[in-house]
Amino acid sequence: MAKYAVIKIKGNQYKVKEGDEILVNKIEGEPEAGVLLVAKEGDIKVGKPVLSNAKVVLETLEPLVKGKKVEVRTFKAKARYRKKKGFRPQYSRLKVKSF
């Protein structure tokens, strides 16, 4: 049985294992994660909403990673109106050391 945890960082939930690298929305400073669930060899612990005695140790590998460009196009039919906007989301790359 696999050992994994479900954590919550800045409103998003991630299922992680030890050694995983994850991209999360840009974080300033030290990352803080609330542990929602821990599963170790058939023993599953679920928090209400978080587990108070569980902790996930995260390491920041890259504080700023730019994602793929997202393009937004708008147009209005029969009016010859077209607009194009774009942006690149900013992420932080984290590594799960232990939990």
PDB file of N, CA and C in Angstrom:
ATOM      1  N   MET A   1       0.853  -1.194   0.000  1.00  0.00           N
ATOM      2  CA  MET A   1       0.000   0.000   0.000  1.00  0.00           C
ATOM      3  C   MET A   1       0.881   1.233   0.000  1.00  0.00           C
ATOM      4  N   ALA A   2       0.497   2.223  -0.742  1.00  0.00           N
ATOM      5  CA  ALA A   2       1.302   3.425  -0.888  1.00  0.00           C
ATOM      6  C   ALA A   2       1.148   4.346   0.323  1.00  0.00           C
ATOM      7  N   LYS A   3       2.185   5.143   0.543  1.00  0.00           N
ATOM      8  CA  LYS A   3       2.169   6.130   1.605  1.00  0.00           C
ATOM      9  C   LYS A   3       2.002   7.492   0.938  1.00  0.00           C
ATOM     10  N   TYR A   4       0.902   8.197   1.239  1.00  0.00           N
ATOM     11  CA  TYR A   4       0.643   9.492   0.616  1.00  0.00           C
ATOM     12  C   TYR A   4      -0.106  10.392   1.580  1.00  0.00           C
ATOM     13  N   ALA A   5      -0.179  11.661   1.202  1.00  0.00           N
ATOM     14  CA  ALA A   5      -0.907  12.644   2.000  1.00  0.00           C
ATOM     15  C   ALA A   5      -1.633  13.590   1.061  1.00  0.00           C
ATOM     16  N   VAL A   6      -2.708  14.174   1.550  1.00  0.00           N
ATOM     17  CA  VAL A   6      -3.423  15.220   0.825  1.00  0.00           C
ATOM     18  C   VAL A   6      -3.211  16.502   1.619  1.00  0.00           C
ATOM     19  N   ILE A   7      -2.622  17.502   0.955  1.00  0.00           N
ATOM     20  CA  ILE A   7      -2.314  18.758   1.626  1.00  0.00           C
ATOM     21  C   ILE A   7      -3.052  19.907   0.947  1.00  0.00           C
ATOM     22  N   LYS A   8      -3.179  21.003   1.688  1.00  0.00           N
ATOM     23  CA  LYS A   8      -3.859  22.186   1.165  1.00  0.00           C
ATOM     24  C   LYS A   8      -2.899  23.363   1.254  1.00  0.00           C
ATOM     25  N   ILE A   9      -2.621  23.976   0.088  1.00  0.00           N
ATOM     26  CA  ILE A   9      -1.742  25.134   0.022  1.00  0.00           C
ATOM     27  C   ILE A   9      -2.465  26.231  -0.763  1.00  0.00           C
ATOM     28  N   LYS A  10      -2.670  27.376  -0.131  1.00  0.00           N
ATOM     29  CA  LYS A  10      -3.307  28.534  -0.773  1.00  0.00           C
ATOM     30  C   LYS A  10      -4.629  28.182  -1.451  1.00  0.00           C
ATOM     31  N   GLY A  11      -5.456  27.372  -0.802  1.00  0.00           N
ATOM     32  CA  GLY A  11      -6.778  27.069  -1.323  1.00  0.00           C
ATOM     33  C   GLY A  11      -6.841  25.912  -2.300  1.00  0.00           C
ATOM     34  N   ASN A  12      -5.706  25.321  -2.682  1.00  0.00           N
ATOM     35  CA  ASN A  12      -5.697  24.185  -3.604  1.00  0.00           C
ATOM     36  C   ASN A  12      -5.219  22.934  -2.879  1.00  0.00           C
ATOM     37  N   GLN A  13      -5.765  21.798  -3.265  1.00  0.00           N
ATOM     38  CA  GLN A  13      -5.401  20.524  -2.639  1.00  0.00           C
ATOM     39  C   GLN A  13      -4.517  19.715  -3.575  1.00  0.00           C
ATOM     40  N   TYR A  14      -3.519  19.025  -2.989  1.00  0.00           N
ATOM     41  CA  TYR A  14      -2.570  18.223  -3.747  1.00  0.00           C
ATOM     42  C   TYR A  14      -2.381  16.881  -3.050  1.00  0.00           C
ATOM     43  N   LYS A  15      -2.357  15.808  -3.845  1.00  0.00           N
ATOM     44  CA  LYS A  15      -2.046  14.480  -3.334  1.00  0.00           C
ATOM     45  C   LYS A  15      -0.556  14.265  -3.568  1.00  0.00           C
ATOM     46  N   VAL A  16       0.217  14.074  -2.483  1.00  0.00           N
ATOM     47  CA  VAL A  16       1.672  14.010  -2.595  1.00  0.00           C
ATOM     48  C   VAL A  16       2.234  12.774  -1.903  1.00  0.00           C
ATOM     49  N   LYS A  17       3.414  12.370  -2.378  1.00  0.00           N
ATOM     50  CA  LYS A  17       4.211  11.319  -1.745  1.00  0.00           C
ATOM     51  C   LYS A  17       5.575  11.909  -1.432  1.00  0.00           C
ATOM     52  N   GLU A  18       6.379  11.220  -0.630  1.00  0.00           N
ATOM     53  CA  GLU A  18       7.722  11.705  -0.332  1.00  0.00           C
ATOM     54  C   GLU A  18       8.547  11.749  -1.604  1.00  0.00           C
ATOM     55  N   GLY A  19       9.267  12.848  -1.792  1.00  0.00           N
ATOM     56  CA  GLY A  19      10.109  13.000  -2.970  1.00  0.00           C
ATOM     57  C   GLY A  19       9.416  13.632  -4.160  1.00  0.00           C
ATOM     58  N   ASP A  20       8.117  13.867  -4.091  1.00  0.00           N
ATOM     59  CA  ASP A  20       7.380  14.483  -5.199  1.00  0.00           C
ATOM     60  C   ASP A  20       7.762  15.954  -5.349  1.00  0.00           C
ATOM     61  N   GLU A  21       7.731  16.435  -6.593  1.00  0.00           N
ATOM     62  CA  GLU A  21       7.875  17.850  -6.881  1.00  0.00           C
ATOM     63  C   GLU A  21       6.538  18.343  -7.419  1.00  0.00           C
ATOM     64  N   ILE A  22       6.046  19.454  -6.864  1.00  0.00           N
ATOM     65  CA  ILE A  22       4.750  19.976  -7.280  1.00  0.00           C
ATOM     66  C   ILE A  22       4.882  21.455  -7.642  1.00  0.00           C
ATOM     67  N   LEU A  23       4.031  21.905  -8.559  1.00  0.00           N
ATOM     68  CA  LEU A  23       3.924  23.322  -8.903  1.00  0.00           C
ATOM     69  C   LEU A  23       2.693  23.878  -8.198  1.00  0.00           C
ATOM     70  N   VAL A  24       2.890  24.937  -7.415  1.00  0.00           N
ATOM     71  CA  VAL A  24       1.775  25.583  -6.719  1.00  0.00           C
ATOM     72  C   VAL A  24       1.780  27.056  -7.102  1.00  0.00           C
ATOM     73  N   ASN A  25       0.673  27.742  -6.852  1.00  0.00           N
ATOM     74  CA  ASN A  25       0.627  29.172  -7.098  1.00  0.00           C
ATOM     75  C   ASN A  25       1.742  29.858  -6.323  1.00  0.00           C
ATOM     76  N   LYS A  26       2.285  30.928  -6.876  1.00  0.00           N
ATOM     77  CA  LYS A  26       3.464  31.601  -6.327  1.00  0.00           C
ATOM     78  C   LYS A  26       3.328  31.860  -4.828  1.00  0.00           C
ATOM     79  N   ILE A  27       4.376  31.476  -4.088  1.00  0.00           N
ATOM     80  CA  ILE A  27       4.407  31.623  -2.631  1.00  0.00           C
ATOM     81  C   ILE A  27       5.576  32.523  -2.253  1.00  0.00           C
ATOM     82  N   GLU A  28       5.328  33.505  -1.420  1.00  0.00           N
ATOM     83  CA  GLU A  28       6.390  34.351  -0.877  1.00  0.00           C
ATOM     84  C   GLU A  28       6.820  33.764   0.463  1.00  0.00           C
ATOM     85  N   GLY A  29       8.108  33.543   0.665  1.00  0.00           N
ATOM     86  CA  GLY A  29       8.620  33.030   1.932  1.00  0.00           C
ATOM     87  C   GLY A  29       8.479  31.524   2.050  1.00  0.00           C
ATOM     88  N   GLU A  30       8.389  31.055   3.295  1.00  0.00           N
ATOM     89  CA  GLU A  30       8.295  29.623   3.571  1.00  0.00           C
ATOM     90  C   GLU A  30       6.902  29.087   3.250  1.00  0.00           C
ATOM     91  N   PRO A  31       6.819  27.949   2.569  1.00  0.00           N
ATOM     92  CA  PRO A  31       5.503  27.367   2.275  1.00  0.00           C
ATOM     93  C   PRO A  31       4.894  26.719   3.517  1.00  0.00           C
ATOM     94  N   GLU A  32       3.614  26.939   3.720  1.00  0.00           N
ATOM     95  CA  GLU A  32       2.883  26.324   4.826  1.00  0.00           C
ATOM     96  C   GLU A  32       1.762  25.489   4.238  1.00  0.00           C
ATOM     97  N   ALA A  33       1.653  24.257   4.716  1.00  0.00           N
ATOM     98  CA  ALA A  33       0.637  23.353   4.189  1.00  0.00           C
ATOM     99  C   ALA A  33      -0.183  22.777   5.335  1.00  0.00           C
ATOM    100  N   GLY A  34      -1.501  22.742   5.150  1.00  0.00           N
ATOM    101  CA  GLY A  34      -2.381  22.065   6.085  1.00  0.00           C
ATOM    102  C   GLY A  34      -2.581  20.635   5.609  1.00  0.00           C
ATOM    103  N   VAL A  35      -2.411  19.687   6.504  1.00  0.00           N
ATOM    104  CA  VAL A  35      -2.532  18.271   6.138  1.00  0.00           C
ATOM    105  C   VAL A  35      -3.980  17.840   6.351  1.00  0.00           C
ATOM    106  N   LEU A  36      -4.631  17.423   5.271  1.00  0.00           N
ATOM    107  CA  LEU A  36      -6.035  17.021   5.337  1.00  0.00           C
ATOM    108  C   LEU A  36      -6.196  15.525   5.541  1.00  0.00           C
ATOM    109  N   LEU A  37      -5.253  14.731   4.988  1.00  0.00           N
ATOM    110  CA  LEU A  37      -5.369  13.276   5.056  1.00  0.00           C
ATOM    111  C   LEU A  37      -3.970  12.670   4.975  1.00  0.00           C
ATOM    112  N   VAL A  38      -3.751  11.602   5.751  1.00  0.00           N
ATOM    113  CA  VAL A  38      -2.501  10.840   5.687  1.00  0.00           C
ATOM    114  C   VAL A  38      -2.859   9.369   5.597  1.00  0.00           C
ATOM    115  N   ALA A  39      -2.269   8.678   4.616  1.00  0.00           N
ATOM    116  CA  ALA A  39      -2.492   7.237   4.452  1.00  0.00           C
ATOM    117  C   ALA A  39      -1.135   6.540   4.489  1.00  0.00           C
ATOM    118  N   LYS A  40      -0.974   5.641   5.470  1.00  0.00           N
ATOM    119  CA  LYS A  40       0.262   4.872   5.603  1.00  0.00           C
ATOM    120  C   LYS A  40      -0.097   3.410   5.763  1.00  0.00           C
ATOM    121  N   GLU A  41       0.199   2.622   4.753  1.00  0.00           N
ATOM    122  CA  GLU A  41       0.035   1.167   4.777  1.00  0.00           C
ATOM    123  C   GLU A  41      -1.311   0.714   5.342  1.00  0.00           C
ATOM    124  N   GLY A  42      -2.365   1.195   4.757  1.00  0.00           N
ATOM    125  CA  GLY A  42      -3.702   0.768   5.150  1.00  0.00           C
ATOM    126  C   GLY A  42      -4.316   1.575   6.276  1.00  0.00           C
ATOM    127  N   ASP A  43      -3.519   2.354   6.998  1.00  0.00           N
ATOM    128  CA  ASP A  43      -4.020   3.187   8.090  1.00  0.00           C
ATOM    129  C   ASP A  43      -4.272   4.588   7.551  1.00  0.00           C
ATOM    130  N   ILE A  44      -5.543   4.999   7.492  1.00  0.00           N
ATOM    131  CA  ILE A  44      -5.908   6.297   6.935  1.00  0.00           C
ATOM    132  C   ILE A  44      -6.418   7.193   8.057  1.00  0.00           C
ATOM    133  N   LYS A  45      -5.823   8.393   8.139  1.00  0.00           N
ATOM    134  CA  LYS A  45      -6.255   9.377   9.125  1.00  0.00           C
ATOM    135  C   LYS A  45      -6.786  10.591   8.375  1.00  0.00           C
ATOM    136  N   VAL A  46      -7.995  11.000   8.718  1.00  0.00           N
ATOM    137  CA  VAL A  46      -8.652  12.121   8.054  1.00  0.00           C
ATOM    138  C   VAL A  46      -8.879  13.223   9.082  1.00  0.00           C
ATOM    139  N   GLY A  47      -8.542  14.454   8.710  1.00  0.00           N
ATOM    140  CA  GLY A  47      -8.723  15.588   9.604  1.00  0.00           C
ATOM    141  C   GLY A  47     -10.100  16.205   9.475  1.00  0.00           C
ATOM    142  N   LYS A  48     -10.447  17.012  10.472  1.00  0.00           N
ATOM    143  CA  LYS A  48     -11.735  17.708  10.467  1.00  0.00           C
ATOM    144  C   LYS A  48     -11.508  19.178  10.758  1.00  0.00           C
ATOM    145  N   PRO A  49     -11.124  20.025   9.869  1.00  0.00           N
ATOM    146  CA  PRO A  49     -10.728  19.815   8.487  1.00  0.00           C
ATOM    147  C   PRO A  49      -9.257  19.429   8.320  1.00  0.00           C
ATOM    148  N   VAL A  50      -8.374  19.764   9.303  1.00  0.00           N
ATOM    149  CA  VAL A  50      -6.958  19.404   9.167  1.00  0.00           C
ATOM    150  C   VAL A  50      -6.523  18.535  10.340  1.00  0.00           C
ATOM    151  N   LEU A  51      -5.450  17.771  10.117  1.00  0.00           N
ATOM    152  CA  LEU A  51      -4.866  16.972  11.194  1.00  0.00           C
ATOM    153  C   LEU A  51      -3.911  17.867  11.992  1.00  0.00           C
ATOM    154  N   SER A  52      -4.125  17.934  13.294  1.00  0.00           N
ATOM    155  CA  SER A  52      -3.305  18.833  14.113  1.00  0.00           C
ATOM    156  C   SER A  52      -1.913  18.268  14.394  1.00  0.00           C
ATOM    157  N   ASN A  53      -1.778  16.942  14.450  1.00  0.00           N
ATOM    158  CA  ASN A  53      -0.484  16.354  14.808  1.00  0.00           C
ATOM    159  C   ASN A  53       0.341  15.928  13.593  1.00  0.00           C
ATOM    160  N   ALA A  54      -0.157  16.110  12.390  1.00  0.00           N
ATOM    161  CA  ALA A  54       0.578  15.723  11.177  1.00  0.00           C
ATOM    162  C   ALA A  54       1.239  16.956  10.573  1.00  0.00           C
ATOM    163  N   LYS A  55       2.422  16.739   9.978  1.00  0.00           N
ATOM    164  CA  LYS A  55       3.162  17.843   9.372  1.00  0.00           C
ATOM    165  C   LYS A  55       3.858  17.352   8.120  1.00  0.00           C
ATOM    166  N   VAL A  56       3.800  18.152   7.067  1.00  0.00           N
ATOM    167  CA  VAL A  56       4.496  17.857   5.819  1.00  0.00           C
ATOM    168  C   VAL A  56       5.630  18.868   5.686  1.00  0.00           C
ATOM    169  N   VAL A  57       6.851  18.363   5.493  1.00  0.00           N
ATOM    170  CA  VAL A  57       8.020  19.234   5.344  1.00  0.00           C
ATOM    171  C   VAL A  57       8.225  19.509   3.860  1.00  0.00           C
ATOM    172  N   LEU A  58       8.165  20.792   3.490  1.00  0.00           N
ATOM    173  CA  LEU A  58       8.304  21.205   2.091  1.00  0.00           C
ATOM    174  C   LEU A  58       9.571  22.027   1.916  1.00  0.00           C
ATOM    175  N   GLU A  59      10.218  21.857   0.767  1.00  0.00           N
ATOM    176  CA  GLU A  59      11.408  22.621   0.435  1.00  0.00           C
ATOM    177  C   GLU A  59      11.136  23.370  -0.869  1.00  0.00           C
ATOM    178  N   THR A  60      11.487  24.648  -0.918  1.00  0.00           N
ATOM    179  CA  THR A  60      11.304  25.440  -2.130  1.00  0.00           C
ATOM    180  C   THR A  60      12.489  25.208  -3.057  1.00  0.00           C
ATOM    181  N   LEU A  61      12.232  24.630  -4.232  1.00  0.00           N
ATOM    182  CA  LEU A  61      13.291  24.417  -5.216  1.00  0.00           C
ATOM    183  C   LEU A  61      13.477  25.658  -6.081  1.00  0.00           C
ATOM    184  N   GLU A  62      12.377  26.204  -6.585  1.00  0.00           N
ATOM    185  CA  GLU A  62      12.414  27.426  -7.389  1.00  0.00           C
ATOM    186  C   GLU A  62      11.283  28.331  -6.907  1.00  0.00           C
ATOM    187  N   PRO A  63      11.609  29.548  -6.446  1.00  0.00           N
ATOM    188  CA  PRO A  63      10.542  30.422  -5.953  1.00  0.00           C
ATOM    189  C   PRO A  63       9.651  30.997  -7.051  1.00  0.00           C
ATOM    190  N   LEU A  64      10.186  31.083  -8.286  1.00  0.00           N
ATOM    191  CA  LEU A  64       9.377  31.631  -9.377  1.00  0.00           C
ATOM    192  C   LEU A  64       9.592  30.818 -10.641  1.00  0.00           C
ATOM    193  N   VAL A  65       8.509  30.210 -11.130  1.00  0.00           N
ATOM    194  CA  VAL A  65       8.504  29.476 -12.393  1.00  0.00           C
ATOM    195  C   VAL A  65       7.345  30.030 -13.200  1.00  0.00           C
ATOM    196  N   LYS A  66       7.611  30.401 -14.446  1.00  0.00           N
ATOM    197  CA  LYS A  66       6.533  30.908 -15.294  1.00  0.00           C
ATOM    198  C   LYS A  66       5.914  29.749 -16.056  1.00  0.00           C
ATOM    199  N   GLY A  67       4.590  29.713 -16.089  1.00  0.00           N
ATOM    200  CA  GLY A  67       3.864  28.660 -16.792  1.00  0.00           C
ATOM    201  C   GLY A  67       3.718  28.963 -18.265  1.00  0.00           C
ATOM    202  N   LYS A  68       2.994  28.107 -18.948  1.00  0.00           N
ATOM    203  CA  LYS A  68       2.719  28.322 -20.369  1.00  0.00           C
ATOM    204  C   LYS A  68       1.830  29.542 -20.550  1.00  0.00           C
ATOM    205  N   LYS A  69       1.997  30.208 -21.675  1.00  0.00           N
ATOM    206  CA  LYS A  69       1.211  31.401 -21.953  1.00  0.00           C
ATOM    207  C   LYS A  69      -0.259  31.024 -22.173  1.00  0.00           C
ATOM    208  N   VAL A  70      -1.139  31.781 -21.559  1.00  0.00           N
ATOM    209  CA  VAL A  70      -2.576  31.591 -21.710  1.00  0.00           C
ATOM    210  C   VAL A  70      -3.092  32.750 -22.548  1.00  0.00           C
ATOM    211  N   GLU A  71      -3.757  32.441 -23.647  1.00  0.00           N
ATOM    212  CA  GLU A  71      -4.301  33.472 -24.517  1.00  0.00           C
ATOM    213  C   GLU A  71      -5.816  33.536 -24.373  1.00  0.00           C
ATOM    214  N   VAL A  72      -6.326  34.754 -24.308  1.00  0.00           N
ATOM    215  CA  VAL A  72      -7.764  34.978 -24.205  1.00  0.00           C
ATOM    216  C   VAL A  72      -8.163  35.830 -25.397  1.00  0.00           C
ATOM    217  N   ARG A  73      -9.082  35.354 -26.190  1.00  0.00           N
ATOM    218  CA  ARG A  73      -9.541  36.099 -27.360  1.00  0.00           C
ATOM    219  C   ARG A  73     -11.027  36.398 -27.192  1.00  0.00           C
ATOM    220  N   THR A  74     -11.396  37.627 -27.532  1.00  0.00           N
ATOM    221  CA  THR A  74     -12.808  38.015 -27.508  1.00  0.00           C
ATOM    222  C   THR A  74     -13.172  38.614 -28.854  1.00  0.00           C
ATOM    223  N   PHE A  75     -14.401  38.431 -29.230  1.00  0.00           N
ATOM    224  CA  PHE A  75     -14.877  39.068 -30.449  1.00  0.00           C
ATOM    225  C   PHE A  75     -16.380  39.248 -30.354  1.00  0.00           C
ATOM    226  N   LYS A  76     -16.873  40.193 -31.133  1.00  0.00           N
ATOM    227  CA  LYS A  76     -18.313  40.416 -31.225  1.00  0.00           C
ATOM    228  C   LYS A  76     -18.702  40.204 -32.680  1.00  0.00           C
ATOM    229  N   ALA A  77     -19.676  39.373 -32.863  1.00  0.00           N
ATOM    230  CA  ALA A  77     -20.097  39.027 -34.219  1.00  0.00           C
ATOM    231  C   ALA A  77     -20.638  40.246 -34.953  1.00  0.00           C
ATOM    232  N   LYS A  78     -20.327  40.351 -36.227  1.00  0.00           N
ATOM    233  CA  LYS A  78     -20.843  41.366 -37.144  1.00  0.00           C
ATOM    234  C   LYS A  78     -20.426  42.791 -36.785  1.00  0.00           C
ATOM    235  N   ALA A  79     -19.509  42.966 -35.850  1.00  0.00           N
ATOM    236  CA  ALA A  79     -19.116  44.321 -35.457  1.00  0.00           C
ATOM    237  C   ALA A  79     -17.645  44.592 -35.744  1.00  0.00           C
ATOM    238  N   ARG A  80     -16.938  43.618 -36.296  1.00  0.00           N
ATOM    239  CA  ARG A  80     -15.498  43.733 -36.582  1.00  0.00           C
ATOM    240  C   ARG A  80     -14.706  44.097 -35.332  1.00  0.00           C
ATOM    241  N   TYR A  81     -15.110  43.528 -34.211  1.00  0.00           N
ATOM    242  CA  TYR A  81     -14.443  43.786 -32.928  1.00  0.00           C
ATOM    243  C   TYR A  81     -13.706  42.525 -32.498  1.00  0.00           C
ATOM    244  N   ARG A  82     -12.386  42.623 -32.357  1.00  0.00           N
ATOM    245  CA  ARG A  82     -11.578  41.495 -31.910  1.00  0.00           C
ATOM    246  C   ARG A  82     -10.513  42.005 -30.951  1.00  0.00           C
ATOM    247  N   LYS A  83     -10.271  41.245 -29.884  1.00  0.00           N
ATOM    248  CA  LYS A  83      -9.211  41.587 -28.934  1.00  0.00           C
ATOM    249  C   LYS A  83      -8.488  40.316 -28.533  1.00  0.00           C
ATOM    250  N   LYS A  84      -7.208  40.463 -28.264  1.00  0.00           N
ATOM    251  CA  LYS A  84      -6.398  39.334 -27.818  1.00  0.00           C
ATOM    252  C   LYS A  84      -5.617  39.783 -26.591  1.00  0.00           C
ATOM    253  N   LYS A  85      -5.728  39.011 -25.506  1.00  0.00           N
ATOM    254  CA  LYS A  85      -4.977  39.267 -24.284  1.00  0.00           C
ATOM    255  C   LYS A  85      -4.227  37.992 -23.940  1.00  0.00           C
ATOM    256  N   GLY A  86      -3.178  38.124 -23.174  1.00  0.00           N
ATOM    257  CA  GLY A  86      -2.438  36.946 -22.754  1.00  0.00           C
ATOM    258  C   GLY A  86      -1.672  37.218 -21.477  1.00  0.00           C
ATOM    259  N   PHE A  87      -1.353  36.148 -20.756  1.00  0.00           N
ATOM    260  CA  PHE A  87      -0.525  36.260 -19.563  1.00  0.00           C
ATOM    261  C   PHE A  87       0.118  34.914 -19.287  1.00  0.00           C
ATOM    262  N   ARG A  88       1.157  34.927 -18.465  1.00  0.00           N
ATOM    263  CA  ARG A  88       1.832  33.702 -18.056  1.00  0.00           C
ATOM    264  C   ARG A  88       1.670  33.564 -16.546  1.00  0.00           C
ATOM    265  N   PRO A  89       1.015  32.509 -16.067  1.00  0.00           N
ATOM    266  CA  PRO A  89       0.843  32.338 -14.622  1.00  0.00           C
ATOM    267  C   PRO A  89       2.184  32.093 -13.937  1.00  0.00           C
ATOM    268  N   GLN A  90       2.279  32.510 -12.680  1.00  0.00           N
ATOM    269  CA  GLN A  90       3.510  32.344 -11.910  1.00  0.00           C
ATOM    270  C   GLN A  90       3.310  31.251 -10.872  1.00  0.00           C
ATOM    271  N   TYR A  91       4.271  30.342 -10.818  1.00  0.00           N
ATOM    272  CA  TYR A  91       4.217  29.212  -9.906  1.00  0.00           C
ATOM    273  C   TYR A  91       5.475  29.170  -9.049  1.00  0.00           C
ATOM    274  N   SER A  92       5.434  28.358  -7.996  1.00  0.00           N
ATOM    275  CA  SER A  92       6.607  28.000  -7.209  1.00  0.00           C
ATOM    276  C   SER A  92       6.741  26.488  -7.275  1.00  0.00           C
ATOM    277  N   ARG A  93       7.976  25.993  -7.415  1.00  0.00           N
ATOM    278  CA  ARG A  93       8.221  24.550  -7.457  1.00  0.00           C
ATOM    279  C   ARG A  93       8.657  24.106  -6.062  1.00  0.00           C
ATOM    280  N   LEU A  94       7.900  23.169  -5.490  1.00  0.00           N
ATOM    281  CA  LEU A  94       8.177  22.667  -4.146  1.00  0.00           C
ATOM    282  C   LEU A  94       8.507  21.177  -4.195  1.00  0.00           C
ATOM    283  N   LYS A  95       9.307  20.737  -3.218  1.00  0.00           N
ATOM    284  CA  LYS A  95       9.617  19.312  -3.096  1.00  0.00           C
ATOM    285  C   LYS A  95       9.171  18.849  -1.718  1.00  0.00           C
ATOM    286  N   VAL A  96       8.513  17.677  -1.679  1.00  0.00           N
ATOM    287  CA  VAL A  96       8.035  17.106  -0.421  1.00  0.00           C
ATOM    288  C   VAL A  96       9.168  16.290   0.169  1.00  0.00           C
ATOM    289  N   LYS A  97       9.671  16.727   1.328  1.00  0.00           N
ATOM    290  CA  LYS A  97      10.786  16.016   1.952  1.00  0.00           C
ATOM    291  C   LYS A  97      10.292  14.841   2.788  1.00  0.00           C
ATOM    292  N   SER A  98       9.329  15.090   3.661  1.00  0.00           N
ATOM    293  CA  SER A  98       8.813  14.010   4.524  1.00  0.00           C
ATOM    294  C   SER A  98       7.467  14.423   5.103  1.00  0.00           C
ATOM    295  N   PHE A  99       6.764  13.423   5.642  1.00  0.00           N
ATOM    296  CA  PHE A  99       5.522  13.678   6.385  1.00  0.00           C
ATOM    297  C   PHE A  99       5.264  12.571   7.364  1.00  0.00           C
TER     298      PHE A  99
END
